[in-house]
Amino acid sequence: MTETTLTIARPDDWHLHLRDGAMLAAVLPLTSAVFGRAIVMPNLKPPIRTMTELRAYRGRILAALPDGHVFQPLMTLYLTETTDPRDIGEGAASGELSAVKLYPAGATTNSDAGVRDFAKVRPVLEAMQAADVPLLVHGEVTDPAVDIFDREAVFIERVLIPLRRDFPGLRVVMEHVTTREGVAYVEGAEGRIGATITPHHLMINRSDIFRGGIRPHLYCLPIAKREEHRLALRRAAVSGKGRFFLGTDSAPHPIGDKESACGCAGVFNAPVTMACLAQVFEEEGALDRLERFASRNGPAFYGLPVNEDTITLERGAPASDIFCDVAVEGGGVRVFQPDAGLSWRVRQAA
């Protein structure tokens, strides 16, 4: 018998961009209406580098939260070559610091302040290992000699394996994994490692970016890969294995910045994430494992309780207005819309 509704523990988003100012106010409600918690990325302009900046940003997020929305932003620091290890100890002791984000310099949006020389961040990594603060990695090298579609696999060999060998007790999340090599590494590695997977990487491959012309709203970093990699991601997501969990990497940009001569990388998927996931898991015959991926594996990795409240998904196409551009001062934001029609929607959040 075909299921018509599915109730699961309220999901969390373990990789989210909220930006700041008017953009924050516009996009936050679309996450907080569905998700209980989110790991908030620190790559603002300027980035969130100190506990003082972290507290101020968290305050702005909470101030923008709509009345009636129960949502906990989990805050991160941006790792730089001048990060003070004392900030790690302070943030861990207070419980205000959930993780630290590693951006190789130049890898993605607002990553120019990222790490170039890993020897310079060893004291910070030692402090993180001692305080059990997770390291979130944008897993791509920025060597111009490496093809953009190979950057993740090369990052594993050049950076991730040596880093985890030197810091075996460090909890590491390979963010927005996009390749079969990434999946295989996370599945087979020893120690404390997890990986987030985005809804758009489960639904599109690199050919979709160019189908019918250049489609800038499907351009993200890491870029979507070949179909064989998309299928590997789907197998990992629906496997039920605890090392894989949801991180939307929902990344809003004004439409004009996406459709420019040098368009920004990022897919804004927050409004449709759960509809996309239900579609994928049903196609894979794994609706019974959606809750593990979206609501249980992430809290287990981060040592947090599963949300006590629930959301209900119901069979039926999402309302058409869910795909409408989100109005933001200075230009709207385009919502991710896969070519295949969606057959699930969020009915309610209890």
C-alpha atoms as a PDB file:
ATOM      1  CA  MET A   1       0.000   0.000   0.000  1.00  0.00           C
ATOM      2  CA  THR A   2       1.376   3.423  -0.950  1.00  0.00           C
ATOM      3  CA  GLU A   3       2.019   5.711   2.006  1.00  0.00           C
ATOM      4  CA  THR A   4       0.234   9.051   1.917  1.00  0.00           C
ATOM      5  CA  THR A   5       1.810  10.642   5.002  1.00  0.00           C
ATOM      6  CA  LEU A   6       5.096  10.300   6.839  1.00  0.00           C
ATOM      7  CA  THR A   7       5.740  11.753  10.296  1.00  0.00           C
ATOM      8  CA  ILE A   8       9.342  12.041  11.457  1.00  0.00           C
ATOM      9  CA  ALA A   9      11.261  13.729  14.251  1.00  0.00           C
ATOM     10  CA  ARG A  10      11.888  17.355  13.354  1.00  0.00           C
ATOM     11  CA  PRO A  11      14.973  17.429  11.120  1.00  0.00           C
ATOM     12  CA  ASP A  12      18.128  19.480  11.572  1.00  0.00           C
ATOM     13  CA  ASP A  13      20.332  21.131   8.976  1.00  0.00           C
ATOM     14  CA  TRP A  14      24.008  20.461   9.618  1.00  0.00           C
ATOM     15  CA  HIS A  15      25.295  22.946   7.004  1.00  0.00           C
ATOM     16  CA  LEU A  16      23.452  26.204   6.390  1.00  0.00           C
ATOM     17  CA  HIS A  17      24.219  29.698   5.079  1.00  0.00           C
ATOM     18  CA  LEU A  18      22.028  32.417   6.551  1.00  0.00           C
ATOM     19  CA  ARG A  19      24.102  35.451   5.492  1.00  0.00           C
ATOM     20  CA  ASP A  20      23.317  38.654   7.417  1.00  0.00           C
ATOM     21  CA  GLY A  21      21.160  41.776   7.402  1.00  0.00           C
ATOM     22  CA  ALA A  22      18.235  41.834   4.986  1.00  0.00           C
ATOM     23  CA  MET A  23      19.173  38.471   3.503  1.00  0.00           C
ATOM     24  CA  LEU A  24      19.196  36.836   6.928  1.00  0.00           C
ATOM     25  CA  ALA A  25      15.753  38.243   7.709  1.00  0.00           C
ATOM     26  CA  ALA A  26      14.393  36.975   4.389  1.00  0.00           C
ATOM     27  CA  VAL A  27      15.725  33.405   4.414  1.00  0.00           C
ATOM     28  CA  LEU A  28      15.824  32.431   8.090  1.00  0.00           C
ATOM     29  CA  PRO A  29      12.045  31.850   8.406  1.00  0.00           C
ATOM     30  CA  LEU A  30      12.142  29.321   5.562  1.00  0.00           C
ATOM     31  CA  THR A  31      14.557  27.194   7.601  1.00  0.00           C
ATOM     32  CA  SER A  32      13.186  27.801  11.095  1.00  0.00           C
ATOM     33  CA  ALA A  33       9.657  26.834  10.027  1.00  0.00           C
ATOM     34  CA  VAL A  34      10.820  23.244   9.428  1.00  0.00           C
ATOM     35  CA  PHE A  35      14.199  22.600  11.045  1.00  0.00           C
ATOM     36  CA  GLY A  36      14.884  22.501  14.775  1.00  0.00           C
ATOM     37  CA  ARG A  37      18.590  23.349  14.615  1.00  0.00           C
ATOM     38  CA  ALA A  38      21.208  24.279  12.053  1.00  0.00           C
ATOM     39  CA  ILE A  39      24.965  24.536  11.917  1.00  0.00           C
ATOM     40  CA  VAL A  40      25.427  28.109  10.692  1.00  0.00           C
ATOM     41  CA  MET A  41      28.337  28.838   8.379  1.00  0.00           C
ATOM     42  CA  PRO A  42      30.712  31.672   9.347  1.00  0.00           C
ATOM     43  CA  ASN A  43      31.792  32.929   5.896  1.00  0.00           C
ATOM     44  CA  LEU A  44      30.310  36.398   6.155  1.00  0.00           C
ATOM     45  CA  LYS A  45      32.029  39.608   5.085  1.00  0.00           C
ATOM     46  CA  PRO A  46      34.035  39.893   7.306  1.00  0.00           C
ATOM     47  CA  PRO A  47      34.030  36.285   8.523  1.00  0.00           C
ATOM     48  CA  ILE A  48      33.161  35.179  12.057  1.00  0.00           C
ATOM     49  CA  ARG A  49      36.626  34.643  13.516  1.00  0.00           C
ATOM     50  CA  THR A  50      36.317  35.259  17.273  1.00  0.00           C
ATOM     51  CA  MET A  51      33.913  34.357  20.048  1.00  0.00           C
ATOM     52  CA  THR A  52      32.939  38.013  20.318  1.00  0.00           C
ATOM     53  CA  GLU A  53      31.909  38.048  16.660  1.00  0.00           C
ATOM     54  CA  LEU A  54      30.188  34.684  17.068  1.00  0.00           C
ATOM     55  CA  ARG A  55      28.032  35.918  19.950  1.00  0.00           C
ATOM     56  CA  ALA A  56      27.063  39.045  18.054  1.00  0.00           C
ATOM     57  CA  TYR A  57      26.063  37.054  14.971  1.00  0.00           C
ATOM     58  CA  ARG A  58      24.023  34.610  17.031  1.00  0.00           C
ATOM     59  CA  GLY A  59      22.225  37.565  18.560  1.00  0.00           C
ATOM     60  CA  ARG A  60      21.329  38.895  15.101  1.00  0.00           C
ATOM     61  CA  ILE A  61      19.992  35.482  14.071  1.00  0.00           C
ATOM     62  CA  LEU A  62      17.792  35.196  17.152  1.00  0.00           C
ATOM     63  CA  ALA A  63      16.549  38.760  16.669  1.00  0.00           C
ATOM     64  CA  ALA A  64      15.432  37.847  13.125  1.00  0.00           C
ATOM     65  CA  LEU A  65      13.600  34.692  14.215  1.00  0.00           C
ATOM     66  CA  PRO A  66       9.835  34.958  13.629  1.00  0.00           C
ATOM     67  CA  ASP A  67       7.509  34.764  16.616  1.00  0.00           C
ATOM     68  CA  GLY A  68       6.441  31.206  17.294  1.00  0.00           C
ATOM     69  CA  HIS A  69       9.425  29.579  15.583  1.00  0.00           C
ATOM     70  CA  VAL A  70      11.481  27.339  17.863  1.00  0.00           C
ATOM     71  CA  PHE A  71      14.937  27.148  16.328  1.00  0.00           C
ATOM     72  CA  GLN A  72      18.483  26.845  17.671  1.00  0.00           C
ATOM     73  CA  PRO A  73      21.386  28.224  15.625  1.00  0.00           C
ATOM     74  CA  LEU A  74      24.536  26.186  16.251  1.00  0.00           C
ATOM     75  CA  MET A  75      27.439  28.552  15.772  1.00  0.00           C
ATOM     76  CA  THR A  76      30.819  28.074  14.113  1.00  0.00           C
ATOM     77  CA  LEU A  77      34.095  29.940  13.814  1.00  0.00           C
ATOM     78  CA  TYR A  78      35.967  30.515  10.563  1.00  0.00           C
ATOM     79  CA  LEU A  79      39.434  28.939  10.763  1.00  0.00           C
ATOM     80  CA  THR A  80      42.215  31.299   9.732  1.00  0.00           C
ATOM     81  CA  GLU A  81      45.963  31.222  10.125  1.00  0.00           C
ATOM     82  CA  THR A  82      45.592  33.738  12.971  1.00  0.00           C
ATOM     83  CA  THR A  83      42.802  31.967  14.903  1.00  0.00           C
ATOM     84  CA  ASP A  84      43.518  32.103  18.638  1.00  0.00           C
ATOM     85  CA  PRO A  85      43.378  28.672  20.309  1.00  0.00           C
ATOM     86  CA  ARG A  86      42.039  30.406  23.415  1.00  0.00           C
ATOM     87  CA  ASP A  87      38.823  31.119  21.512  1.00  0.00           C
ATOM     88  CA  ILE A  88      38.406  27.378  21.047  1.00  0.00           C
ATOM     89  CA  GLY A  89      38.739  26.684  24.744  1.00  0.00           C
ATOM     90  CA  GLU A  90      36.417  29.533  25.656  1.00  0.00           C
ATOM     91  CA  GLY A  91      33.750  28.527  23.148  1.00  0.00           C
ATOM     92  CA  ALA A  92      33.890  24.854  24.103  1.00  0.00           C
ATOM     93  CA  ALA A  93      33.698  25.606  27.825  1.00  0.00           C
ATOM     94  CA  SER A  94      30.688  27.889  27.398  1.00  0.00           C
ATOM     95  CA  GLY A  95      28.909  25.550  24.988  1.00  0.00           C
ATOM     96  CA  GLU A  96      28.491  28.392  22.486  1.00  0.00           C
ATOM     97  CA  LEU A  97      30.884  26.950  19.884  1.00  0.00           C
ATOM     98  CA  SER A  98      29.557  23.951  17.974  1.00  0.00           C
ATOM     99  CA  ALA A  99      32.314  23.577  15.358  1.00  0.00           C
ATOM    100  CA  VAL A 100      35.092  25.280  13.403  1.00  0.00           C
ATOM    101  CA  LYS A 101      34.981  25.563   9.607  1.00  0.00           C
ATOM    102  CA  LEU A 102      37.994  25.010   7.363  1.00  0.00           C
ATOM    103  CA  TYR A 103      37.881  26.739   3.996  1.00  0.00           C
ATOM    104  CA  PRO A 104      40.977  26.276   1.842  1.00  0.00           C
ATOM    105  CA  ALA A 105      41.711  29.849   0.727  1.00  0.00           C
ATOM    106  CA  GLY A 106      39.773  30.672  -2.433  1.00  0.00           C
ATOM    107  CA  ALA A 107      37.706  27.475  -2.467  1.00  0.00           C
ATOM    108  CA  THR A 108      34.240  29.050  -2.440  1.00  0.00           C
ATOM    109  CA  THR A 109      32.163  32.128  -1.505  1.00  0.00           C
ATOM    110  CA  ASN A 110      33.941  34.473   0.918  1.00  0.00           C
ATOM    111  CA  SER A 111      36.818  32.052   1.488  1.00  0.00           C
ATOM    112  CA  ASP A 112      39.736  34.395   0.803  1.00  0.00           C
ATOM    113  CA  ALA A 113      40.608  34.467   4.511  1.00  0.00           C
ATOM    114  CA  GLY A 114      40.900  30.677   4.585  1.00  0.00           C
ATOM    115  CA  VAL A 115      43.905  28.465   5.215  1.00  0.00           C
ATOM    116  CA  ARG A 116      46.897  28.338   2.896  1.00  0.00           C
ATOM    117  CA  ASP A 117      49.547  26.904   5.233  1.00  0.00           C
ATOM    118  CA  PHE A 118      48.205  24.113   7.450  1.00  0.00           C
ATOM    119  CA  ALA A 119      51.294  24.223   9.661  1.00  0.00           C
ATOM    120  CA  LYS A 120      50.056  27.576  10.954  1.00  0.00           C
ATOM    121  CA  VAL A 121      46.779  26.140  12.284  1.00  0.00           C
ATOM    122  CA  ARG A 122      48.232  23.149  14.142  1.00  0.00           C
ATOM    123  CA  PRO A 123      47.861  24.811  17.572  1.00  0.00           C
ATOM    124  CA  VAL A 124      44.178  25.453  16.850  1.00  0.00           C
ATOM    125  CA  LEU A 125      43.614  21.871  15.702  1.00  0.00           C
ATOM    126  CA  GLU A 126      45.326  20.629  18.851  1.00  0.00           C
ATOM    127  CA  ALA A 127      43.018  22.781  20.962  1.00  0.00           C
ATOM    128  CA  MET A 128      39.990  21.495  19.049  1.00  0.00           C
ATOM    129  CA  GLN A 129      41.042  17.893  19.521  1.00  0.00           C
ATOM    130  CA  ALA A 130      41.547  18.456  23.243  1.00  0.00           C
ATOM    131  CA  ALA A 131      38.169  20.205  23.643  1.00  0.00           C
ATOM    132  CA  ASP A 132      36.330  17.823  21.277  1.00  0.00           C
ATOM    133  CA  VAL A 133      35.235  20.593  18.918  1.00  0.00           C
ATOM    134  CA  PRO A 134      34.450  19.229  15.436  1.00  0.00           C
ATOM    135  CA  LEU A 135      36.302  20.415  12.338  1.00  0.00           C
ATOM    136  CA  LEU A 136      34.068  20.979   9.312  1.00  0.00           C
ATOM    137  CA  VAL A 137      35.996  20.835   6.051  1.00  0.00           C
ATOM    138  CA  HIS A 138      35.179  22.248   2.655  1.00  0.00           C
ATOM    139  CA  GLY A 139      36.855  19.341   0.931  1.00  0.00           C
ATOM    140  CA  GLU A 140      38.437  20.807  -2.183  1.00  0.00           C
ATOM    141  CA  VAL A 141      41.958  21.768  -3.097  1.00  0.00           C
ATOM    142  CA  THR A 142      42.458  25.089  -4.845  1.00  0.00           C
ATOM    143  CA  ASP A 143      45.502  24.139  -6.887  1.00  0.00           C
ATOM    144  CA  PRO A 144      44.781  25.578 -10.366  1.00  0.00           C
ATOM    145  CA  ALA A 145      46.440  22.532 -11.918  1.00  0.00           C
ATOM    146  CA  VAL A 146      43.685  20.289 -10.530  1.00  0.00           C
ATOM    147  CA  ASP A 147      40.508  20.012 -12.587  1.00  0.00           C
ATOM    148  CA  ILE A 148      37.441  21.374 -10.796  1.00  0.00           C
ATOM    149  CA  PHE A 149      35.743  17.974 -10.985  1.00  0.00           C
ATOM    150  CA  ASP A 150      38.733  16.282  -9.288  1.00  0.00           C
ATOM    151  CA  ARG A 151      39.290  18.714  -6.411  1.00  0.00           C
ATOM    152  CA  GLU A 152      37.435  16.676  -3.804  1.00  0.00           C
ATOM    153  CA  ALA A 153      39.257  13.412  -4.508  1.00  0.00           C
ATOM    154  CA  VAL A 154      42.619  15.206  -4.478  1.00  0.00           C
ATOM    155  CA  PHE A 155      41.740  16.974  -1.209  1.00  0.00           C
ATOM    156  CA  ILE A 156      41.223  13.607   0.471  1.00  0.00           C
ATOM    157  CA  GLU A 157      44.693  12.427  -0.523  1.00  0.00           C
ATOM    158  CA  ARG A 158      46.621  15.664  -0.031  1.00  0.00           C
ATOM    159  CA  VAL A 159      44.906  17.188   2.983  1.00  0.00           C
ATOM    160  CA  LEU A 160      42.333  15.066   4.781  1.00  0.00           C
ATOM    161  CA  ILE A 161      44.273  11.829   5.188  1.00  0.00           C
ATOM    162  CA  PRO A 162      47.420  13.560   6.541  1.00  0.00           C
ATOM    163  CA  LEU A 163      45.354  15.854   8.783  1.00  0.00           C
ATOM    164  CA  ARG A 164      43.445  12.983  10.356  1.00  0.00           C
ATOM    165  CA  ARG A 165      46.646  10.972  10.749  1.00  0.00           C
ATOM    166  CA  ASP A 166      48.164  13.849  12.734  1.00  0.00           C
ATOM    167  CA  PHE A 167      44.986  14.465  14.777  1.00  0.00           C
ATOM    168  CA  PRO A 168      43.380  11.032  15.210  1.00  0.00           C
ATOM    169  CA  GLY A 169      41.065  12.174  18.009  1.00  0.00           C
ATOM    170  CA  LEU A 170      39.619  15.113  16.077  1.00  0.00           C
ATOM    171  CA  ARG A 171      35.988  14.843  15.027  1.00  0.00           C
ATOM    172  CA  VAL A 172      35.790  15.729  11.313  1.00  0.00           C
ATOM    173  CA  VAL A 173      32.839  16.341   9.012  1.00  0.00           C
ATOM    174  CA  MET A 174      33.445  16.218   5.287  1.00  0.00           C
ATOM    175  CA  GLU A 175      30.908  18.808   4.222  1.00  0.00           C
ATOM    176  CA  HIS A 176      28.713  18.474   1.118  1.00  0.00           C
ATOM    177  CA  VAL A 177      30.442  15.336  -0.125  1.00  0.00           C
ATOM    178  CA  THR A 178      29.952  15.023  -3.902  1.00  0.00           C
ATOM    179  CA  THR A 179      31.957  12.057  -5.191  1.00  0.00           C
ATOM    180  CA  ARG A 180      32.055   8.293  -4.958  1.00  0.00           C
ATOM    181  CA  GLU A 181      35.643   8.699  -3.689  1.00  0.00           C
ATOM    182  CA  GLY A 182      34.376  10.878  -0.857  1.00  0.00           C
ATOM    183  CA  VAL A 183      31.661   8.400   0.046  1.00  0.00           C
ATOM    184  CA  ALA A 184      34.111   5.494  -0.019  1.00  0.00           C
ATOM    185  CA  TYR A 185      36.584   7.355   2.178  1.00  0.00           C
ATOM    186  CA  VAL A 186      33.991   8.232   4.816  1.00  0.00           C
ATOM    187  CA  GLU A 187      32.592   4.695   4.810  1.00  0.00           C
ATOM    188  CA  GLY A 188      35.987   3.055   5.178  1.00  0.00           C
ATOM    189  CA  ALA A 189      37.931   5.470   7.365  1.00  0.00           C
ATOM    190  CA  GLU A 190      38.709   4.740  10.983  1.00  0.00           C
ATOM    191  CA  GLY A 191      37.898   7.172  13.743  1.00  0.00           C
ATOM    192  CA  ARG A 192      35.381   9.947  14.141  1.00  0.00           C
ATOM    193  CA  ILE A 193      34.365  11.149  10.722  1.00  0.00           C
ATOM    194  CA  GLY A 194      31.026  12.008   9.173  1.00  0.00           C
ATOM    195  CA  ALA A 195      29.745  13.603   5.979  1.00  0.00           C
ATOM    196  CA  THR A 196      26.872  15.866   5.040  1.00  0.00           C
ATOM    197  CA  ILE A 197      24.994  15.455   1.767  1.00  0.00           C
ATOM    198  CA  THR A 198      22.893  18.163   0.120  1.00  0.00           C
ATOM    199  CA  PRO A 199      19.482  17.661  -1.487  1.00  0.00           C
ATOM    200  CA  HIS A 200      20.601  19.208  -4.768  1.00  0.00           C
ATOM    201  CA  HIS A 201      23.581  16.875  -5.139  1.00  0.00           C
ATOM    202  CA  LEU A 202      21.139  13.988  -4.721  1.00  0.00           C
ATOM    203  CA  MET A 203      18.964  15.329  -7.539  1.00  0.00           C
ATOM    204  CA  ILE A 204      21.249  16.825 -10.195  1.00  0.00           C
ATOM    205  CA  ASN A 205      24.456  15.908 -11.979  1.00  0.00           C
ATOM    206  CA  ARG A 206      26.837  18.126 -13.910  1.00  0.00           C
ATOM    207  CA  SER A 207      24.919  17.750 -17.171  1.00  0.00           C
ATOM    208  CA  ASP A 208      21.897  19.422 -15.587  1.00  0.00           C
ATOM    209  CA  ILE A 209      23.877  22.641 -15.187  1.00  0.00           C
ATOM    210  CA  PHE A 210      24.137  22.924 -18.976  1.00  0.00           C
ATOM    211  CA  ARG A 211      20.854  21.361 -20.122  1.00  0.00           C
ATOM    212  CA  GLY A 212      19.224  23.796 -22.549  1.00  0.00           C
ATOM    213  CA  GLY A 213      21.875  26.428 -21.851  1.00  0.00           C
ATOM    214  CA  ILE A 214      23.881  27.558 -18.830  1.00  0.00           C
ATOM    215  CA  ARG A 215      21.722  27.354 -15.712  1.00  0.00           C
ATOM    216  CA  PRO A 216      23.473  29.517 -13.108  1.00  0.00           C
ATOM    217  CA  HIS A 217      21.064  28.686 -10.285  1.00  0.00           C
ATOM    218  CA  LEU A 218      22.345  25.092 -10.346  1.00  0.00           C
ATOM    219  CA  TYR A 219      25.976  26.194 -10.034  1.00  0.00           C
ATOM    220  CA  CYS A 220      27.476  25.472  -6.637  1.00  0.00           C
ATOM    221  CA  LEU A 221      30.789  24.535  -5.068  1.00  0.00           C
ATOM    222  CA  PRO A 222      31.642  21.753  -4.857  1.00  0.00           C
ATOM    223  CA  ILE A 223      30.191  21.557  -8.334  1.00  0.00           C
ATOM    224  CA  ALA A 224      27.794  18.728  -9.224  1.00  0.00           C
ATOM    225  CA  LYS A 225      29.660  15.746 -10.682  1.00  0.00           C
ATOM    226  CA  ARG A 226      28.976  12.879 -13.102  1.00  0.00           C
ATOM    227  CA  GLU A 227      25.910  10.649 -12.734  1.00  0.00           C
ATOM    228  CA  GLU A 228      27.977   7.847 -11.189  1.00  0.00           C
ATOM    229  CA  HIS A 229      28.808  10.173  -8.292  1.00  0.00           C
ATOM    230  CA  ARG A 230      25.199  11.273  -7.812  1.00  0.00           C
ATOM    231  CA  LEU A 231      24.170   7.629  -7.576  1.00  0.00           C
ATOM    232  CA  ALA A 232      26.909   6.960  -5.005  1.00  0.00           C
ATOM    233  CA  LEU A 233      25.577   9.849  -2.906  1.00  0.00           C
ATOM    234  CA  ARG A 234      22.048   8.484  -3.085  1.00  0.00           C
ATOM    235  CA  ARG A 235      23.215   5.054  -1.953  1.00  0.00           C
ATOM    236  CA  ALA A 236      25.029   6.626   0.994  1.00  0.00           C
ATOM    237  CA  ALA A 237      22.119   8.846   2.010  1.00  0.00           C
ATOM    238  CA  VAL A 238      19.533   6.062   2.013  1.00  0.00           C
ATOM    239  CA  SER A 239      21.860   3.474   3.561  1.00  0.00           C
ATOM    240  CA  GLY A 240      20.944   4.405   7.118  1.00  0.00           C
ATOM    241  CA  LYS A 241      24.652   4.516   8.030  1.00  0.00           C
ATOM    242  CA  GLY A 242      25.249   6.938  10.867  1.00  0.00           C
ATOM    243  CA  ARG A 243      28.163   8.720   9.238  1.00  0.00           C
ATOM    244  CA  PHE A 244      25.928  10.357   6.615  1.00  0.00           C
ATOM    245  CA  PHE A 245      23.452  13.098   7.486  1.00  0.00           C
ATOM    246  CA  LEU A 246      21.675  16.089   6.016  1.00  0.00           C
ATOM    247  CA  GLY A 247      23.463  19.360   5.391  1.00  0.00           C
ATOM    248  CA  THR A 248      21.568  21.453   2.867  1.00  0.00           C
ATOM    249  CA  ASP A 249      24.370  23.903   2.075  1.00  0.00           C
ATOM    250  CA  SER A 250      21.445  26.199   1.267  1.00  0.00           C
ATOM    251  CA  ALA A 251      23.269  29.293   0.034  1.00  0.00           C
ATOM    252  CA  PRO A 252      21.232  32.337  -0.986  1.00  0.00           C
ATOM    253  CA  HIS A 253      22.537  34.903  -3.464  1.00  0.00           C
ATOM    254  CA  PRO A 254      20.651  37.740  -5.136  1.00  0.00           C
ATOM    255  CA  ILE A 255      19.502  36.695  -8.597  1.00  0.00           C
ATOM    256  CA  GLY A 256      21.642  39.386 -10.192  1.00  0.00           C
ATOM    257  CA  ASP A 257      24.762  37.938  -8.566  1.00  0.00           C
ATOM    258  CA  LYS A 258      23.920  34.464  -9.824  1.00  0.00           C
ATOM    259  CA  GLU A 259      23.132  35.625 -13.370  1.00  0.00           C
ATOM    260  CA  SER A 260      26.152  37.879 -13.768  1.00  0.00           C
ATOM    261  CA  ALA A 261      29.246  37.566 -15.954  1.00  0.00           C
ATOM    262  CA  CYS A 262      30.966  35.818 -13.027  1.00  0.00           C
ATOM    263  CA  GLY A 263      28.089  34.201 -11.173  1.00  0.00           C
ATOM    264  CA  CYS A 264      28.252  33.236  -7.506  1.00  0.00           C
ATOM    265  CA  ALA A 265      28.312  29.605  -6.394  1.00  0.00           C
ATOM    266  CA  GLY A 266      25.398  28.417  -4.301  1.00  0.00           C
ATOM    267  CA  VAL A 267      21.994  26.734  -4.459  1.00  0.00           C
ATOM    268  CA  PHE A 268      19.146  28.035  -2.293  1.00  0.00           C
ATOM    269  CA  ASN A 269      17.144  24.950  -1.378  1.00  0.00           C
ATOM    270  CA  ALA A 270      15.812  25.588   2.149  1.00  0.00           C
ATOM    271  CA  PRO A 271      12.120  25.841   1.164  1.00  0.00           C
ATOM    272  CA  VAL A 272      12.099  22.533  -0.746  1.00  0.00           C
ATOM    273  CA  THR A 273      14.681  20.374   1.027  1.00  0.00           C
ATOM    274  CA  MET A 274      12.285  17.978   2.734  1.00  0.00           C
ATOM    275  CA  ALA A 275      10.136  17.593  -0.379  1.00  0.00           C
ATOM    276  CA  CYS A 276      13.274  16.761  -2.376  1.00  0.00           C
ATOM    277  CA  LEU A 277      14.484  14.259   0.204  1.00  0.00           C
ATOM    278  CA  ALA A 278      11.141  12.469   0.395  1.00  0.00           C
ATOM    279  CA  GLN A 279      11.202  12.189  -3.393  1.00  0.00           C
ATOM    280  CA  VAL A 280      14.724  10.740  -3.412  1.00  0.00           C
ATOM    281  CA  PHE A 281      14.123   8.298  -0.584  1.00  0.00           C
ATOM    282  CA  GLU A 282      10.879   7.082  -2.134  1.00  0.00           C
ATOM    283  CA  GLU A 283      12.571   6.575  -5.504  1.00  0.00           C
ATOM    284  CA  GLU A 284      15.231   4.525  -3.721  1.00  0.00           C
ATOM    285  CA  GLY A 285      12.651   2.471  -1.812  1.00  0.00           C
ATOM    286  CA  ALA A 286      13.890   3.842   1.492  1.00  0.00           C
ATOM    287  CA  LEU A 287      11.244   6.158   2.949  1.00  0.00           C
ATOM    288  CA  ASP A 288      11.596   4.271   6.228  1.00  0.00           C
ATOM    289  CA  ARG A 289      15.191   5.540   6.485  1.00  0.00           C
ATOM    290  CA  LEU A 290      14.515   9.231   5.766  1.00  0.00           C
ATOM    291  CA  GLU A 291      14.228  10.009   9.475  1.00  0.00           C
ATOM    292  CA  ARG A 292      17.670   8.557  10.161  1.00  0.00           C
ATOM    293  CA  PHE A 293      19.312  10.737   7.532  1.00  0.00           C
ATOM    294  CA  ALA A 294      17.424  13.964   8.276  1.00  0.00           C
ATOM    295  CA  SER A 295      16.694  13.747  12.002  1.00  0.00           C
ATOM    296  CA  ARG A 296      18.823  11.164  13.835  1.00  0.00           C
ATOM    297  CA  ASN A 297      22.294  10.614  12.400  1.00  0.00           C
ATOM    298  CA  GLY A 298      23.369  14.251  12.767  1.00  0.00           C
ATOM    299  CA  PRO A 299      22.414  14.616  16.440  1.00  0.00           C
ATOM    300  CA  ALA A 300      24.148  11.316  17.193  1.00  0.00           C
ATOM    301  CA  PHE A 301      27.377  12.520  15.558  1.00  0.00           C
ATOM    302  CA  TYR A 302      27.282  15.861  17.400  1.00  0.00           C
ATOM    303  CA  GLY A 303      26.284  14.294  20.725  1.00  0.00           C
ATOM    304  CA  LEU A 304      22.909  16.051  20.870  1.00  0.00           C
ATOM    305  CA  PRO A 305      19.406  14.711  21.570  1.00  0.00           C
ATOM    306  CA  VAL A 306      16.980  14.082  18.746  1.00  0.00           C
ATOM    307  CA  ASN A 307      14.334  16.790  18.516  1.00  0.00           C
ATOM    308  CA  GLU A 308      11.236  15.853  20.511  1.00  0.00           C
ATOM    309  CA  ASP A 309       8.742  17.471  18.130  1.00  0.00           C
ATOM    310  CA  THR A 310       7.856  16.243  14.633  1.00  0.00           C
ATOM    311  CA  ILE A 311       7.012  17.260  11.101  1.00  0.00           C
ATOM    312  CA  THR A 312       4.608  15.514   8.762  1.00  0.00           C
ATOM    313  CA  LEU A 313       5.163  15.041   5.063  1.00  0.00           C
ATOM    314  CA  GLU A 314       2.207  14.267   2.860  1.00  0.00           C
ATOM    315  CA  ARG A 315       1.898  13.003  -0.671  1.00  0.00           C
ATOM    316  CA  GLY A 316       1.077  15.737  -3.146  1.00  0.00           C
ATOM    317  CA  ALA A 317       2.854  18.377  -5.191  1.00  0.00           C
ATOM    318  CA  PRO A 318       4.174  21.302  -3.156  1.00  0.00           C
ATOM    319  CA  ALA A 319       2.203  24.529  -3.476  1.00  0.00           C
ATOM    320  CA  SER A 320       3.446  26.429  -6.513  1.00  0.00           C
ATOM    321  CA  ASP A 321       4.325  29.489  -4.442  1.00  0.00           C
ATOM    322  CA  ILE A 322       7.066  27.530  -2.676  1.00  0.00           C
ATOM    323  CA  PHE A 323       9.155  28.038  -5.826  1.00  0.00           C
ATOM    324  CA  CYS A 324       8.542  31.779  -6.032  1.00  0.00           C
ATOM    325  CA  ASP A 325      11.571  34.025  -5.746  1.00  0.00           C
ATOM    326  CA  VAL A 326      12.189  35.146  -2.176  1.00  0.00           C
ATOM    327  CA  ALA A 327      11.969  38.914  -1.964  1.00  0.00           C
ATOM    328  CA  VAL A 328      15.079  40.556  -0.554  1.00  0.00           C
ATOM    329  CA  GLU A 329      16.154  44.169  -0.575  1.00  0.00           C
ATOM    330  CA  GLY A 330      18.595  44.507  -3.469  1.00  0.00           C
ATOM    331  CA  GLY A 331      17.255  41.554  -5.468  1.00  0.00           C
ATOM    332  CA  GLY A 332      15.277  38.339  -4.977  1.00  0.00           C
ATOM    333  CA  VAL A 333      16.638  34.846  -4.400  1.00  0.00           C
ATOM    334  CA  ARG A 334      15.768  31.955  -6.738  1.00  0.00           C
ATOM    335  CA  VAL A 335      14.589  28.714  -5.099  1.00  0.00           C
ATOM    336  CA  PHE A 336      16.025  25.388  -6.264  1.00  0.00           C
ATOM    337  CA  GLN A 337      13.566  23.658  -8.575  1.00  0.00           C
ATOM    338  CA  PRO A 338      14.504  20.238  -9.931  1.00  0.00           C
ATOM    339  CA  ASP A 339      13.357  19.323 -13.416  1.00  0.00           C
ATOM    340  CA  ALA A 340      11.420  16.338 -12.100  1.00  0.00           C
ATOM    341  CA  GLY A 341       8.164  17.262 -10.424  1.00  0.00           C
ATOM    342  CA  LEU A 342       8.034  16.736  -6.653  1.00  0.00           C
ATOM    343  CA  SER A 343       5.371  14.500  -5.169  1.00  0.00           C
ATOM    344  CA  TRP A 344       5.762  15.275  -1.441  1.00  0.00           C
ATOM    345  CA  ARG A 345       5.303  18.387   0.690  1.00  0.00           C
ATOM    346  CA  VAL A 346       5.600  19.393   4.324  1.00  0.00           C
ATOM    347  CA  ARG A 347       2.107  19.487   5.820  1.00  0.00           C
ATOM    348  CA  GLN A 348       2.740  20.691   9.324  1.00  0.00           C
ATOM    349  CA  ALA A 349       5.298  21.150  12.034  1.00  0.00           C
ATOM    350  CA  ALA A 350       3.958  19.956  15.385  1.00  0.00           C
END
